[in-house]
C-alpha cells in the first residue's frame, strides 16, 4: 500500500469516528487541505468523501 493510500485510509477512519459535527468539520478541513496539496484524483477522494457523507448523516440522526 502506498503512503498516499495509507493516508487516505487514515482520513476515512478519522471521518467515521467523528462523534460531533464540530469534529467532522475539523477533520474535513484537514482532509481537504491534504487532498488539494497532494493533487488527488477524484477516485482517490471518493472513499473519504463517502465517509464524510455517512458521518454527517449519522450526526444528524443523533442530533450531535
C-alpha atoms as a PDB file:
ATOM      1  CA  UNK A   1       0.000   0.000   0.000  1.00  0.00           C
ATOM      2  CA  UNK A   2       1.415   3.386  -0.962  1.00  0.00           C
ATOM      3  CA  UNK A   3       1.903   6.215   1.515  1.00  0.00           C
ATOM      4  CA  UNK A   4      -0.962   8.113  -0.143  1.00  0.00           C
ATOM      5  CA  UNK A   5      -3.266   5.095   0.171  1.00  0.00           C
ATOM      6  CA  UNK A   6      -2.340   4.802   3.847  1.00  0.00           C
ATOM      7  CA  UNK A   7      -3.169   8.468   4.412  1.00  0.00           C
ATOM      8  CA  UNK A   8      -6.487   8.127   2.595  1.00  0.00           C
ATOM      9  CA  UNK A   9      -7.378   5.148   4.787  1.00  0.00           C
ATOM     10  CA  UNK A  10      -6.366   7.120   7.894  1.00  0.00           C
ATOM     11  CA  UNK A  11      -8.637  10.007   6.894  1.00  0.00           C
ATOM     12  CA  UNK A  12     -11.503   7.624   6.124  1.00  0.00           C
ATOM     13  CA  UNK A  13     -11.187   6.066   9.585  1.00  0.00           C
ATOM     14  CA  UNK A  14     -10.934   9.504  11.178  1.00  0.00           C
ATOM     15  CA  UNK A  15     -14.112  10.697   9.446  1.00  0.00           C
ATOM     16  CA  UNK A  16     -16.084   7.644  10.514  1.00  0.00           C
ATOM     17  CA  UNK A  17     -15.006   8.067  14.131  1.00  0.00           C
ATOM     18  CA  UNK A  18     -16.203  11.676  14.470  1.00  0.00           C
ATOM     19  CA  UNK A  19     -18.933  11.966  17.070  1.00  0.00           C
ATOM     20  CA  UNK A  20     -19.915  15.614  16.660  1.00  0.00           C
ATOM     21  CA  UNK A  21     -20.384  17.954  13.745  1.00  0.00           C
ATOM     22  CA  UNK A  22     -17.513  20.057  15.069  1.00  0.00           C
ATOM     23  CA  UNK A  23     -15.182  17.032  14.974  1.00  0.00           C
ATOM     24  CA  UNK A  24     -16.353  16.296  11.451  1.00  0.00           C
ATOM     25  CA  UNK A  25     -15.791  19.865  10.261  1.00  0.00           C
ATOM     26  CA  UNK A  26     -12.255  19.905  11.655  1.00  0.00           C
ATOM     27  CA  UNK A  27     -11.487  16.537  10.057  1.00  0.00           C
ATOM     28  CA  UNK A  28     -12.991  17.679   6.749  1.00  0.00           C
ATOM     29  CA  UNK A  29     -10.800  20.758   6.740  1.00  0.00           C
ATOM     30  CA  UNK A  30      -7.695  18.628   7.249  1.00  0.00           C
ATOM     31  CA  UNK A  31      -8.816  16.227   4.532  1.00  0.00           C
ATOM     32  CA  UNK A  32      -9.494  18.990   2.019  1.00  0.00           C
ATOM     33  CA  UNK A  33      -6.085  20.528   2.659  1.00  0.00           C
ATOM     34  CA  UNK A  34      -4.392  17.155   2.233  1.00  0.00           C
ATOM     35  CA  UNK A  35      -6.326  16.275  -0.923  1.00  0.00           C
ATOM     36  CA  UNK A  36      -5.598  19.643  -2.509  1.00  0.00           C
ATOM     37  CA  UNK A  37      -1.910  19.721  -1.621  1.00  0.00           C
ATOM     38  CA  UNK A  38      -1.402  16.192  -2.986  1.00  0.00           C
ATOM     39  CA  UNK A  39      -3.478  16.725  -6.156  1.00  0.00           C
ATOM     40  CA  UNK A  40      -5.564  13.628  -5.523  1.00  0.00           C
ATOM     41  CA  UNK A  41      -7.691  12.201  -8.301  1.00  0.00           C
ATOM     42  CA  UNK A  42     -11.494  12.117  -7.886  1.00  0.00           C
ATOM     43  CA  UNK A  43     -11.383   8.335  -7.413  1.00  0.00           C
ATOM     44  CA  UNK A  44      -8.899   8.743  -4.570  1.00  0.00           C
ATOM     45  CA  UNK A  45     -11.137  11.330  -2.897  1.00  0.00           C
ATOM     46  CA  UNK A  46     -14.322   9.284  -3.205  1.00  0.00           C
ATOM     47  CA  UNK A  47     -13.661   6.902  -0.290  1.00  0.00           C
ATOM     48  CA  UNK A  48     -13.183   9.686   2.237  1.00  0.00           C
ATOM     49  CA  UNK A  49     -15.969  11.807   0.764  1.00  0.00           C
ATOM     50  CA  UNK A  50     -18.353   8.873   1.236  1.00  0.00           C
ATOM     51  CA  UNK A  51     -17.197   8.516   4.839  1.00  0.00           C
ATOM     52  CA  UNK A  52     -17.954  12.221   5.367  1.00  0.00           C
ATOM     53  CA  UNK A  53     -21.473  11.760   3.984  1.00  0.00           C
ATOM     54  CA  UNK A  54     -22.081   8.754   6.232  1.00  0.00           C
ATOM     55  CA  UNK A  55     -20.788  10.554   9.329  1.00  0.00           C
ATOM     56  CA  UNK A  56     -22.746  13.708   8.519  1.00  0.00           C
ATOM     57  CA  UNK A  57     -25.970  11.716   8.217  1.00  0.00           C
ATOM     58  CA  UNK A  58     -25.253   9.838  11.451  1.00  0.00           C
ATOM     59  CA  UNK A  59     -24.603  13.131  13.265  1.00  0.00           C
ATOM     60  CA  UNK A  60     -27.994  14.436  12.153  1.00  0.00           C
ATOM     61  CA  UNK A  61     -29.688  11.244  13.300  1.00  0.00           C
ATOM     62  CA  UNK A  62     -28.136  11.501  16.761  1.00  0.00           C
ATOM     63  CA  UNK A  63     -28.504  15.335  16.804  1.00  0.00           C
ATOM     64  CA  UNK A  64     -24.853  15.939  17.671  1.00  0.00           C
END
